[in-house]
Amino acid sequence: MGKIHLIRHGTTEANTAQMYYGSTDLPLSNEGVDIIANLTAAKAYPKADGAILYTTGLLRTEQTFFLIYGCREHHTVPELREYHFGDFEMKTHDQLMENEEYQAWINDTKGMTPCPEGESPHEFRSRICAGFSIILEKHKSQEYNDRNSILVCHGGVISVIMGLCFPHSEKNIFQWQPEPGRGYTIHIEGGEPISYDEI
């Protein structure tokens, strides 16, 4: 049995300001660095020895990875980057409230409406599904089925992955989202997710 560990990056200034941001390549805030450093000191994270290591390549995931694991070689999976909010990037709900395109986006319960110059929830989910398959497929092979993977990524990405892995859970996408620096360990058997623990 193998495990896939999903770790959300530390806090950024845009998190604190409650802005929509995904494709914007922000660094960790001082608070974000402290959160990750404290959790690392408390041995909250899985060990990297023998694991296959991943980030999404964005600065906040690279910084978080370095704070936890140091200068270790790792893969990047850009398909698992955060939601692309397009013209809504780096803006708050209050700033966008009078925007008709924003209203159309947040009121589309089917998730087919994209942000202007960005993506729709449906497109995001499809992208994350494709990106996570890159990691999951390794665990289906005899060579990797008892190894662990560690992915440092984003809150929205983790929410979608957990929803894909555990579709019968009563949690919605917002309830799946972990706090910065936290995440989940997915237990994999025969290449399929069977259970999870919180990090």
N, C-alpha and C. Protein backbone atom coordinates (compact mmCIF):
# COMPACT_ATOMS: atom_id res chain seq x y z
N MET A 1 0.85 -1.20 0.00
CA MET A 1 0.00 0.00 0.00
C MET A 1 0.88 1.25 0.00
N GLY A 2 0.57 2.19 -0.85
CA GLY A 2 1.29 3.46 -0.89
C GLY A 2 0.43 4.60 -0.39
N LYS A 3 1.03 5.76 -0.31
CA LYS A 3 0.32 6.94 0.16
C LYS A 3 0.63 8.13 -0.76
N ILE A 4 -0.35 9.00 -0.92
CA ILE A 4 -0.14 10.28 -1.60
C ILE A 4 -0.45 11.36 -0.58
N HIS A 5 0.57 12.14 -0.24
CA HIS A 5 0.43 13.22 0.73
C HIS A 5 0.20 14.53 -0.03
N LEU A 6 -0.87 15.22 0.29
CA LEU A 6 -1.19 16.51 -0.31
C LEU A 6 -0.99 17.60 0.74
N ILE A 7 -0.10 18.56 0.45
CA ILE A 7 0.21 19.63 1.40
C ILE A 7 -0.10 20.98 0.76
N ARG A 8 -0.92 21.76 1.42
CA ARG A 8 -1.21 23.12 0.93
C ARG A 8 -0.06 24.05 1.31
N HIS A 9 0.31 24.92 0.38
CA HIS A 9 1.36 25.91 0.65
C HIS A 9 0.98 26.84 1.80
N GLY A 10 1.97 27.55 2.31
CA GLY A 10 1.73 28.50 3.40
C GLY A 10 1.00 29.75 2.93
N THR A 11 0.62 30.57 3.87
CA THR A 11 -0.17 31.78 3.62
C THR A 11 0.58 32.80 2.77
N THR A 12 -0.15 33.49 1.91
CA THR A 12 0.37 34.64 1.15
C THR A 12 -0.40 35.89 1.55
N GLU A 13 0.08 37.04 1.10
CA GLU A 13 -0.63 38.29 1.38
C GLU A 13 -2.03 38.29 0.77
N ALA A 14 -2.19 37.65 -0.38
CA ALA A 14 -3.50 37.61 -1.02
C ALA A 14 -4.47 36.73 -0.24
N ASN A 15 -3.96 35.67 0.40
CA ASN A 15 -4.82 34.88 1.29
C ASN A 15 -5.37 35.75 2.42
N THR A 16 -4.47 36.49 3.03
CA THR A 16 -4.85 37.33 4.16
C THR A 16 -5.86 38.40 3.75
N ALA A 17 -5.70 38.93 2.53
CA ALA A 17 -6.60 39.98 2.03
C ALA A 17 -7.87 39.40 1.42
N GLN A 18 -8.00 38.07 1.41
CA GLN A 18 -9.17 37.38 0.87
C GLN A 18 -9.42 37.74 -0.60
N MET A 19 -8.35 37.74 -1.37
CA MET A 19 -8.43 38.00 -2.80
C MET A 19 -8.56 36.69 -3.57
N TYR A 20 -9.20 36.79 -4.75
CA TYR A 20 -9.14 35.69 -5.69
C TYR A 20 -7.75 35.71 -6.33
N TYR A 21 -7.05 34.62 -6.22
CA TYR A 21 -5.79 34.53 -6.95
C TYR A 21 -5.41 33.08 -7.12
N GLY A 22 -4.88 32.76 -8.27
CA GLY A 22 -4.47 31.38 -8.54
C GLY A 22 -3.25 31.36 -9.41
N SER A 23 -3.34 31.98 -10.58
CA SER A 23 -2.21 31.99 -11.51
C SER A 23 -1.17 33.05 -11.14
N THR A 24 -1.55 34.03 -10.33
CA THR A 24 -0.59 35.05 -9.89
C THR A 24 0.48 34.39 -9.03
N ASP A 25 1.74 34.61 -9.37
CA ASP A 25 2.85 33.88 -8.74
C ASP A 25 3.38 34.64 -7.53
N LEU A 26 2.68 34.53 -6.42
CA LEU A 26 3.03 35.25 -5.20
C LEU A 26 3.94 34.43 -4.30
N PRO A 27 4.81 35.11 -3.53
CA PRO A 27 5.61 34.41 -2.52
C PRO A 27 4.81 34.23 -1.24
N LEU A 28 5.35 33.45 -0.32
CA LEU A 28 4.75 33.33 1.01
C LEU A 28 4.90 34.66 1.75
N SER A 29 3.95 34.96 2.59
CA SER A 29 4.09 36.11 3.50
C SER A 29 4.96 35.68 4.68
N ASN A 30 5.35 36.63 5.51
CA ASN A 30 6.12 36.30 6.71
C ASN A 30 5.33 35.33 7.59
N GLU A 31 4.02 35.56 7.68
CA GLU A 31 3.16 34.66 8.44
C GLU A 31 3.19 33.25 7.84
N GLY A 32 3.15 33.19 6.52
CA GLY A 32 3.18 31.90 5.83
C GLY A 32 4.46 31.14 6.10
N VAL A 33 5.58 31.84 6.09
CA VAL A 33 6.87 31.21 6.40
C VAL A 33 6.86 30.67 7.82
N ASP A 34 6.35 31.47 8.74
CA ASP A 34 6.32 31.05 10.16
C ASP A 34 5.44 29.81 10.36
N ILE A 35 4.28 29.77 9.69
CA ILE A 35 3.37 28.63 9.82
C ILE A 35 4.08 27.34 9.38
N ILE A 36 4.71 27.40 8.22
CA ILE A 36 5.37 26.20 7.69
C ILE A 36 6.56 25.81 8.56
N ALA A 37 7.33 26.80 8.99
CA ALA A 37 8.50 26.51 9.84
C ALA A 37 8.07 25.87 11.16
N ASN A 38 7.00 26.37 11.74
CA ASN A 38 6.52 25.82 13.02
C ASN A 38 5.98 24.40 12.86
N LEU A 39 5.25 24.16 11.78
CA LEU A 39 4.73 22.81 11.53
C LEU A 39 5.86 21.84 11.23
N THR A 40 6.86 22.31 10.52
CA THR A 40 8.02 21.47 10.23
C THR A 40 8.75 21.11 11.51
N ALA A 41 8.95 22.10 12.38
CA ALA A 41 9.62 21.86 13.66
C ALA A 41 8.83 20.89 14.53
N ALA A 42 7.50 20.91 14.39
CA ALA A 42 6.63 20.01 15.15
C ALA A 42 6.51 18.63 14.51
N LYS A 43 7.26 18.41 13.41
CA LYS A 43 7.27 17.14 12.69
C LYS A 43 5.87 16.74 12.19
N ALA A 44 5.18 17.74 11.66
CA ALA A 44 3.82 17.51 11.17
C ALA A 44 3.79 16.84 9.80
N TYR A 45 4.92 16.87 9.09
CA TYR A 45 4.91 16.44 7.69
C TYR A 45 5.52 15.05 7.50
N PRO A 46 5.06 14.36 6.45
CA PRO A 46 5.64 13.04 6.14
C PRO A 46 7.10 13.18 5.71
N LYS A 47 7.86 12.13 5.95
CA LYS A 47 9.27 12.13 5.56
C LYS A 47 9.40 11.94 4.06
N ALA A 48 10.42 12.56 3.50
CA ALA A 48 10.60 12.54 2.05
C ALA A 48 11.44 11.35 1.58
N ASP A 49 12.12 10.68 2.49
CA ASP A 49 13.01 9.59 2.09
C ASP A 49 12.25 8.52 1.32
N GLY A 50 12.69 8.25 0.10
CA GLY A 50 12.08 7.22 -0.73
C GLY A 50 10.82 7.64 -1.44
N ALA A 51 10.32 8.83 -1.17
CA ALA A 51 9.07 9.29 -1.78
C ALA A 51 9.34 9.97 -3.13
N ILE A 52 8.31 10.01 -3.96
CA ILE A 52 8.35 10.78 -5.20
C ILE A 52 7.81 12.16 -4.87
N LEU A 53 8.57 13.19 -5.17
CA LEU A 53 8.28 14.54 -4.69
C LEU A 53 7.81 15.44 -5.82
N TYR A 54 6.79 16.26 -5.53
CA TYR A 54 6.20 17.13 -6.55
C TYR A 54 5.85 18.50 -5.96
N THR A 55 5.92 19.52 -6.81
CA THR A 55 5.29 20.82 -6.57
C THR A 55 4.58 21.21 -7.86
N THR A 56 3.91 22.36 -7.82
CA THR A 56 3.27 22.85 -9.05
C THR A 56 4.18 23.84 -9.80
N GLY A 57 5.34 24.14 -9.22
CA GLY A 57 6.28 25.04 -9.87
C GLY A 57 6.08 26.50 -9.55
N LEU A 58 4.95 26.86 -8.93
CA LEU A 58 4.74 28.26 -8.54
C LEU A 58 5.55 28.57 -7.28
N LEU A 59 5.91 29.83 -7.13
CA LEU A 59 6.83 30.25 -6.08
C LEU A 59 6.36 29.82 -4.69
N ARG A 60 5.08 29.96 -4.40
CA ARG A 60 4.61 29.64 -3.05
C ARG A 60 4.70 28.16 -2.74
N THR A 61 4.58 27.30 -3.77
CA THR A 61 4.76 25.87 -3.51
C THR A 61 6.23 25.52 -3.42
N GLU A 62 7.07 26.18 -4.20
CA GLU A 62 8.51 25.93 -4.13
C GLU A 62 9.07 26.37 -2.78
N GLN A 63 8.63 27.51 -2.29
CA GLN A 63 9.11 28.00 -0.98
C GLN A 63 8.66 27.08 0.14
N THR A 64 7.40 26.65 0.08
CA THR A 64 6.89 25.74 1.10
C THR A 64 7.66 24.42 1.07
N PHE A 65 7.88 23.89 -0.12
CA PHE A 65 8.65 22.65 -0.26
C PHE A 65 10.04 22.81 0.35
N PHE A 66 10.71 23.91 0.04
CA PHE A 66 12.06 24.13 0.55
C PHE A 66 12.09 24.22 2.08
N LEU A 67 11.11 24.92 2.65
CA LEU A 67 11.06 25.05 4.11
C LEU A 67 10.88 23.70 4.80
N ILE A 68 10.15 22.80 4.15
CA ILE A 68 9.90 21.49 4.74
C ILE A 68 11.02 20.50 4.43
N TYR A 69 11.43 20.47 3.15
CA TYR A 69 12.30 19.38 2.70
C TYR A 69 13.68 19.82 2.22
N GLY A 70 13.92 21.13 2.17
CA GLY A 70 15.23 21.59 1.74
C GLY A 70 15.43 21.44 0.24
N CYS A 71 16.68 21.39 -0.17
CA CYS A 71 17.02 21.36 -1.60
C CYS A 71 17.01 19.93 -2.15
N ARG A 72 15.86 19.34 -2.20
CA ARG A 72 15.71 17.99 -2.76
C ARG A 72 15.22 18.08 -4.20
N GLU A 73 15.68 17.16 -5.00
CA GLU A 73 15.19 17.09 -6.37
C GLU A 73 13.72 16.70 -6.37
N HIS A 74 12.95 17.36 -7.21
CA HIS A 74 11.52 17.06 -7.27
C HIS A 74 10.96 17.37 -8.65
N HIS A 75 9.80 16.82 -8.93
CA HIS A 75 9.11 17.05 -10.20
C HIS A 75 8.15 18.22 -10.05
N THR A 76 7.81 18.86 -11.16
CA THR A 76 6.76 19.88 -11.17
C THR A 76 5.61 19.40 -12.05
N VAL A 77 4.40 19.66 -11.59
CA VAL A 77 3.21 19.30 -12.35
C VAL A 77 2.38 20.57 -12.54
N PRO A 78 2.63 21.31 -13.62
CA PRO A 78 1.90 22.58 -13.82
C PRO A 78 0.41 22.40 -14.00
N GLU A 79 -0.03 21.20 -14.38
CA GLU A 79 -1.47 20.93 -14.52
C GLU A 79 -2.19 21.04 -13.18
N LEU A 80 -1.43 20.98 -12.08
CA LEU A 80 -2.03 21.05 -10.74
C LEU A 80 -1.88 22.43 -10.10
N ARG A 81 -1.70 23.45 -10.92
CA ARG A 81 -1.69 24.81 -10.38
C ARG A 81 -3.11 25.25 -10.02
N GLU A 82 -3.18 26.28 -9.21
CA GLU A 82 -4.47 26.76 -8.69
C GLU A 82 -5.35 27.31 -9.81
N TYR A 83 -6.61 27.50 -9.49
CA TYR A 83 -7.62 28.03 -10.42
C TYR A 83 -7.13 29.34 -11.06
N HIS A 84 -7.38 29.47 -12.36
CA HIS A 84 -7.00 30.68 -13.09
C HIS A 84 -8.22 31.60 -13.14
N PHE A 85 -8.18 32.65 -12.31
CA PHE A 85 -9.32 33.56 -12.19
C PHE A 85 -9.35 34.66 -13.25
N GLY A 86 -8.39 34.68 -14.16
CA GLY A 86 -8.40 35.63 -15.25
C GLY A 86 -8.45 37.08 -14.78
N ASP A 87 -9.44 37.82 -15.27
CA ASP A 87 -9.57 39.24 -14.92
C ASP A 87 -9.94 39.46 -13.45
N PHE A 88 -10.35 38.41 -12.76
CA PHE A 88 -10.71 38.53 -11.35
C PHE A 88 -9.51 38.33 -10.42
N GLU A 89 -8.36 37.99 -10.99
CA GLU A 89 -7.16 37.77 -10.18
C GLU A 89 -6.82 39.03 -9.36
N MET A 90 -6.49 38.80 -8.09
CA MET A 90 -6.03 39.84 -7.17
C MET A 90 -7.11 40.87 -6.87
N LYS A 91 -8.37 40.43 -6.96
CA LYS A 91 -9.49 41.27 -6.57
C LYS A 91 -10.33 40.54 -5.53
N THR A 92 -11.03 41.29 -4.70
CA THR A 92 -11.87 40.69 -3.67
C THR A 92 -13.32 40.60 -4.15
N HIS A 93 -14.10 39.85 -3.41
CA HIS A 93 -15.54 39.74 -3.69
C HIS A 93 -16.20 41.12 -3.68
N ASP A 94 -15.85 41.93 -2.70
CA ASP A 94 -16.46 43.27 -2.59
C ASP A 94 -16.11 44.13 -3.79
N GLN A 95 -14.88 44.02 -4.29
CA GLN A 95 -14.47 44.81 -5.45
C GLN A 95 -15.20 44.39 -6.72
N LEU A 96 -15.64 43.15 -6.77
CA LEU A 96 -16.23 42.61 -7.99
C LEU A 96 -17.76 42.55 -7.98
N MET A 97 -18.36 42.88 -6.86
CA MET A 97 -19.80 42.68 -6.68
C MET A 97 -20.65 43.31 -7.78
N GLU A 98 -20.25 44.47 -8.30
CA GLU A 98 -21.06 45.17 -9.32
C GLU A 98 -20.73 44.71 -10.73
N ASN A 99 -19.82 43.77 -10.88
CA ASN A 99 -19.38 43.30 -12.19
C ASN A 99 -20.34 42.22 -12.69
N GLU A 100 -20.96 42.44 -13.85
CA GLU A 100 -21.95 41.50 -14.37
C GLU A 100 -21.34 40.14 -14.69
N GLU A 101 -20.12 40.16 -15.23
CA GLU A 101 -19.46 38.89 -15.55
C GLU A 101 -19.14 38.10 -14.27
N TYR A 102 -18.82 38.81 -13.23
CA TYR A 102 -18.56 38.15 -11.94
C TYR A 102 -19.84 37.53 -11.41
N GLN A 103 -20.94 38.25 -11.50
CA GLN A 103 -22.23 37.73 -11.03
C GLN A 103 -22.63 36.48 -11.81
N ALA A 104 -22.37 36.50 -13.11
CA ALA A 104 -22.68 35.33 -13.94
C ALA A 104 -21.84 34.14 -13.52
N TRP A 105 -20.59 34.39 -13.18
CA TRP A 105 -19.68 33.31 -12.78
C TRP A 105 -20.07 32.70 -11.44
N ILE A 106 -20.32 33.55 -10.44
CA ILE A 106 -20.60 33.00 -9.10
C ILE A 106 -22.00 32.39 -9.02
N ASN A 107 -22.90 32.77 -9.93
CA ASN A 107 -24.27 32.26 -9.87
C ASN A 107 -24.51 31.06 -10.79
N ASP A 108 -23.46 30.63 -11.49
CA ASP A 108 -23.58 29.47 -12.38
C ASP A 108 -23.39 28.20 -11.56
N THR A 109 -24.48 27.56 -11.18
CA THR A 109 -24.40 26.37 -10.32
C THR A 109 -23.85 25.15 -11.07
N LYS A 110 -23.82 25.20 -12.41
CA LYS A 110 -23.29 24.08 -13.19
C LYS A 110 -21.79 24.21 -13.43
N GLY A 111 -21.21 25.36 -13.12
CA GLY A 111 -19.78 25.53 -13.24
C GLY A 111 -19.24 25.61 -14.66
N MET A 112 -20.06 26.04 -15.60
CA MET A 112 -19.63 26.09 -17.00
C MET A 112 -19.16 27.49 -17.42
N THR A 113 -19.42 28.50 -16.60
CA THR A 113 -19.07 29.88 -16.95
C THR A 113 -17.63 30.17 -16.55
N PRO A 114 -16.79 30.60 -17.50
CA PRO A 114 -15.41 30.93 -17.14
C PRO A 114 -15.27 32.35 -16.62
N CYS A 115 -14.25 32.59 -15.84
CA CYS A 115 -13.87 33.97 -15.55
C CYS A 115 -13.36 34.58 -16.85
N PRO A 116 -13.58 35.88 -17.10
CA PRO A 116 -13.03 36.51 -18.30
C PRO A 116 -11.51 36.32 -18.34
N GLU A 117 -11.02 35.80 -19.44
CA GLU A 117 -9.58 35.51 -19.63
C GLU A 117 -9.07 34.42 -18.67
N GLY A 118 -9.99 33.70 -18.03
CA GLY A 118 -9.62 32.63 -17.11
C GLY A 118 -10.31 31.34 -17.48
N GLU A 119 -10.61 30.51 -16.48
CA GLU A 119 -11.23 29.22 -16.75
C GLU A 119 -12.52 29.05 -15.95
N SER A 120 -13.30 28.09 -16.36
CA SER A 120 -14.53 27.76 -15.65
C SER A 120 -14.24 26.69 -14.59
N PRO A 121 -15.13 26.54 -13.60
CA PRO A 121 -14.95 25.45 -12.64
C PRO A 121 -14.87 24.08 -13.32
N HIS A 122 -15.64 23.88 -14.38
CA HIS A 122 -15.59 22.61 -15.10
C HIS A 122 -14.22 22.39 -15.73
N GLU A 123 -13.67 23.43 -16.35
CA GLU A 123 -12.35 23.32 -16.96
C GLU A 123 -11.27 23.08 -15.90
N PHE A 124 -11.41 23.74 -14.77
CA PHE A 124 -10.47 23.56 -13.66
C PHE A 124 -10.49 22.12 -13.17
N ARG A 125 -11.68 21.60 -12.94
CA ARG A 125 -11.81 20.23 -12.46
C ARG A 125 -11.20 19.23 -13.45
N SER A 126 -11.44 19.44 -14.73
CA SER A 126 -10.89 18.56 -15.76
C SER A 126 -9.36 18.62 -15.78
N ARG A 127 -8.82 19.81 -15.62
CA ARG A 127 -7.36 19.98 -15.59
C ARG A 127 -6.75 19.28 -14.39
N ILE A 128 -7.39 19.44 -13.23
CA ILE A 128 -6.87 18.81 -12.02
C ILE A 128 -6.96 17.28 -12.13
N CYS A 129 -8.03 16.79 -12.69
CA CYS A 129 -8.19 15.36 -12.89
C CYS A 129 -7.05 14.81 -13.75
N ALA A 130 -6.73 15.52 -14.82
CA ALA A 130 -5.63 15.09 -15.71
C ALA A 130 -4.29 15.16 -14.99
N GLY A 131 -4.08 16.23 -14.21
CA GLY A 131 -2.81 16.38 -13.50
C GLY A 131 -2.63 15.35 -12.41
N PHE A 132 -3.69 15.07 -11.65
CA PHE A 132 -3.59 14.09 -10.58
C PHE A 132 -3.39 12.68 -11.13
N SER A 133 -3.92 12.43 -12.33
CA SER A 133 -3.73 11.13 -12.96
C SER A 133 -2.26 10.84 -13.22
N ILE A 134 -1.47 11.89 -13.46
CA ILE A 134 -0.03 11.71 -13.67
C ILE A 134 0.60 11.07 -12.44
N ILE A 135 0.18 11.52 -11.26
CA ILE A 135 0.71 10.98 -10.01
C ILE A 135 0.09 9.62 -9.70
N LEU A 136 -1.22 9.52 -9.85
CA LEU A 136 -1.92 8.29 -9.49
C LEU A 136 -1.49 7.11 -10.37
N GLU A 137 -1.21 7.37 -11.64
CA GLU A 137 -0.82 6.30 -12.55
C GLU A 137 0.46 5.61 -12.10
N LYS A 138 1.38 6.36 -11.50
CA LYS A 138 2.61 5.75 -11.00
C LYS A 138 2.31 4.70 -9.93
N HIS A 139 1.32 4.98 -9.11
CA HIS A 139 0.97 4.06 -8.03
C HIS A 139 0.26 2.80 -8.52
N LYS A 140 -0.13 2.80 -9.78
CA LYS A 140 -0.77 1.61 -10.36
C LYS A 140 0.25 0.62 -10.90
N SER A 141 1.51 1.07 -11.03
CA SER A 141 2.55 0.20 -11.55
C SER A 141 3.18 -0.61 -10.41
N GLN A 142 3.70 -1.79 -10.75
CA GLN A 142 4.33 -2.65 -9.76
C GLN A 142 5.52 -1.96 -9.11
N GLU A 143 6.20 -1.13 -9.87
CA GLU A 143 7.40 -0.46 -9.39
C GLU A 143 7.10 0.54 -8.28
N TYR A 144 5.94 1.17 -8.35
CA TYR A 144 5.64 2.28 -7.45
C TYR A 144 4.48 2.01 -6.48
N ASN A 145 3.84 0.83 -6.55
CA ASN A 145 2.59 0.67 -5.81
C ASN A 145 2.74 0.70 -4.30
N ASP A 146 3.97 0.52 -3.79
CA ASP A 146 4.15 0.61 -2.33
C ASP A 146 4.99 1.81 -1.93
N ARG A 147 5.20 2.74 -2.86
CA ARG A 147 5.94 3.96 -2.55
C ARG A 147 4.99 5.10 -2.21
N ASN A 148 5.54 6.14 -1.63
CA ASN A 148 4.75 7.31 -1.28
C ASN A 148 5.05 8.46 -2.24
N SER A 149 4.07 9.31 -2.43
CA SER A 149 4.24 10.56 -3.18
C SER A 149 3.90 11.73 -2.27
N ILE A 150 4.61 12.83 -2.44
CA ILE A 150 4.32 14.06 -1.69
C ILE A 150 4.14 15.18 -2.70
N LEU A 151 2.99 15.84 -2.65
CA LEU A 151 2.68 16.95 -3.54
C LEU A 151 2.41 18.21 -2.73
N VAL A 152 3.22 19.24 -2.94
CA VAL A 152 2.95 20.55 -2.35
C VAL A 152 2.21 21.37 -3.39
N CYS A 153 0.96 21.73 -3.08
CA CYS A 153 0.14 22.40 -4.09
C CYS A 153 -0.76 23.45 -3.46
N HIS A 154 -2.02 23.51 -3.82
CA HIS A 154 -2.90 24.63 -3.51
C HIS A 154 -4.22 24.14 -2.90
N GLY A 155 -4.86 25.04 -2.14
CA GLY A 155 -6.08 24.67 -1.44
C GLY A 155 -7.20 24.21 -2.35
N GLY A 156 -7.45 24.96 -3.42
CA GLY A 156 -8.51 24.59 -4.36
C GLY A 156 -8.21 23.28 -5.07
N VAL A 157 -6.94 23.07 -5.36
CA VAL A 157 -6.51 21.84 -6.03
C VAL A 157 -6.75 20.64 -5.12
N ILE A 158 -6.36 20.77 -3.85
CA ILE A 158 -6.56 19.69 -2.89
C ILE A 158 -8.05 19.37 -2.74
N SER A 159 -8.89 20.41 -2.69
CA SER A 159 -10.33 20.20 -2.58
C SER A 159 -10.87 19.36 -3.73
N VAL A 160 -10.45 19.69 -4.94
CA VAL A 160 -10.92 18.95 -6.11
C VAL A 160 -10.41 17.51 -6.08
N ILE A 161 -9.13 17.33 -5.75
CA ILE A 161 -8.56 15.99 -5.69
C ILE A 161 -9.30 15.13 -4.67
N MET A 162 -9.56 15.68 -3.50
CA MET A 162 -10.25 14.91 -2.48
C MET A 162 -11.68 14.56 -2.90
N GLY A 163 -12.33 15.50 -3.57
CA GLY A 163 -13.67 15.23 -4.09
C GLY A 163 -13.66 14.15 -5.15
N LEU A 164 -12.63 14.13 -5.99
CA LEU A 164 -12.50 13.10 -7.02
C LEU A 164 -12.23 11.74 -6.40
N CYS A 165 -11.38 11.71 -5.39
CA CYS A 165 -11.00 10.44 -4.76
C CYS A 165 -12.10 9.87 -3.87
N PHE A 166 -12.88 10.76 -3.26
CA PHE A 166 -13.90 10.30 -2.31
C PHE A 166 -15.26 10.95 -2.66
N PRO A 167 -15.80 10.57 -3.82
CA PRO A 167 -17.02 11.23 -4.33
C PRO A 167 -18.26 11.00 -3.47
N HIS A 168 -18.23 9.98 -2.63
CA HIS A 168 -19.41 9.69 -1.81
C HIS A 168 -19.36 10.36 -0.44
N SER A 169 -18.31 11.13 -0.21
CA SER A 169 -18.24 11.88 1.04
C SER A 169 -19.31 12.97 1.06
N GLU A 170 -19.73 13.34 2.25
CA GLU A 170 -20.73 14.41 2.38
C GLU A 170 -20.09 15.79 2.33
N LYS A 171 -18.77 15.86 2.24
CA LYS A 171 -18.09 17.15 2.20
C LYS A 171 -18.20 17.78 0.82
N ASN A 172 -18.36 19.11 0.80
CA ASN A 172 -18.31 19.82 -0.48
C ASN A 172 -16.91 20.39 -0.68
N ILE A 173 -16.70 21.06 -1.81
CA ILE A 173 -15.37 21.54 -2.17
C ILE A 173 -14.80 22.52 -1.14
N PHE A 174 -15.67 23.29 -0.50
CA PHE A 174 -15.19 24.25 0.50
C PHE A 174 -14.81 23.54 1.80
N GLN A 175 -15.54 22.51 2.14
CA GLN A 175 -15.25 21.76 3.36
C GLN A 175 -13.98 20.92 3.24
N TRP A 176 -13.63 20.53 2.02
CA TRP A 176 -12.41 19.77 1.81
C TRP A 176 -11.16 20.64 1.93
N GLN A 177 -11.28 21.95 1.74
CA GLN A 177 -10.09 22.80 1.67
C GLN A 177 -9.38 22.88 3.02
N PRO A 178 -8.11 22.49 3.08
CA PRO A 178 -7.37 22.54 4.34
C PRO A 178 -6.84 23.94 4.63
N GLU A 179 -6.46 24.17 5.86
CA GLU A 179 -5.80 25.42 6.23
C GLU A 179 -4.42 25.47 5.58
N PRO A 180 -3.84 26.67 5.40
CA PRO A 180 -2.47 26.75 4.85
C PRO A 180 -1.50 25.89 5.66
N GLY A 181 -0.67 25.15 4.95
CA GLY A 181 0.31 24.29 5.60
C GLY A 181 -0.22 22.93 5.99
N ARG A 182 -1.51 22.73 5.85
CA ARG A 182 -2.12 21.44 6.20
C ARG A 182 -2.51 20.68 4.93
N GLY A 183 -3.13 19.52 5.11
CA GLY A 183 -3.53 18.75 3.95
C GLY A 183 -4.05 17.39 4.32
N TYR A 184 -3.83 16.42 3.44
CA TYR A 184 -4.35 15.07 3.63
C TYR A 184 -3.34 14.03 3.18
N THR A 185 -3.42 12.86 3.77
CA THR A 185 -2.72 11.66 3.31
C THR A 185 -3.75 10.70 2.75
N ILE A 186 -3.64 10.39 1.45
CA ILE A 186 -4.54 9.45 0.80
C ILE A 186 -3.87 8.08 0.76
N HIS A 187 -4.54 7.07 1.27
CA HIS A 187 -4.02 5.71 1.24
C HIS A 187 -4.44 5.04 -0.07
N ILE A 188 -3.45 4.49 -0.77
CA ILE A 188 -3.66 3.92 -2.09
C ILE A 188 -3.45 2.41 -2.05
N GLU A 189 -4.42 1.67 -2.55
CA GLU A 189 -4.28 0.22 -2.65
C GLU A 189 -4.70 -0.22 -4.05
N GLY A 190 -3.81 -0.95 -4.73
CA GLY A 190 -4.11 -1.36 -6.10
C GLY A 190 -4.29 -0.18 -7.03
N GLY A 191 -3.62 0.91 -6.74
CA GLY A 191 -3.71 2.11 -7.57
C GLY A 191 -4.96 2.93 -7.35
N GLU A 192 -5.76 2.61 -6.33
CA GLU A 192 -7.01 3.32 -6.08
C GLU A 192 -7.03 3.89 -4.66
N PRO A 193 -7.58 5.11 -4.49
CA PRO A 193 -7.72 5.70 -3.15
C PRO A 193 -8.73 4.90 -2.33
N ILE A 194 -8.37 4.56 -1.09
CA ILE A 194 -9.30 3.79 -0.24
C ILE A 194 -9.67 4.51 1.06
N SER A 195 -8.78 5.39 1.54
CA SER A 195 -9.07 6.11 2.78
C SER A 195 -8.13 7.29 2.87
N TYR A 196 -8.32 8.11 3.90
CA TYR A 196 -7.45 9.28 4.07
C TYR A 196 -7.32 9.66 5.54
N ASP A 197 -6.24 10.37 5.83
CA ASP A 197 -6.03 11.00 7.13
C ASP A 197 -5.73 12.47 6.90
N GLU A 198 -5.94 13.29 7.90
CA GLU A 198 -5.58 14.70 7.82
C GLU A 198 -4.12 14.91 8.25
N ILE A 199 -3.48 15.86 7.60
CA ILE A 199 -2.12 16.27 8.00
C ILE A 199 -2.23 17.48 8.89
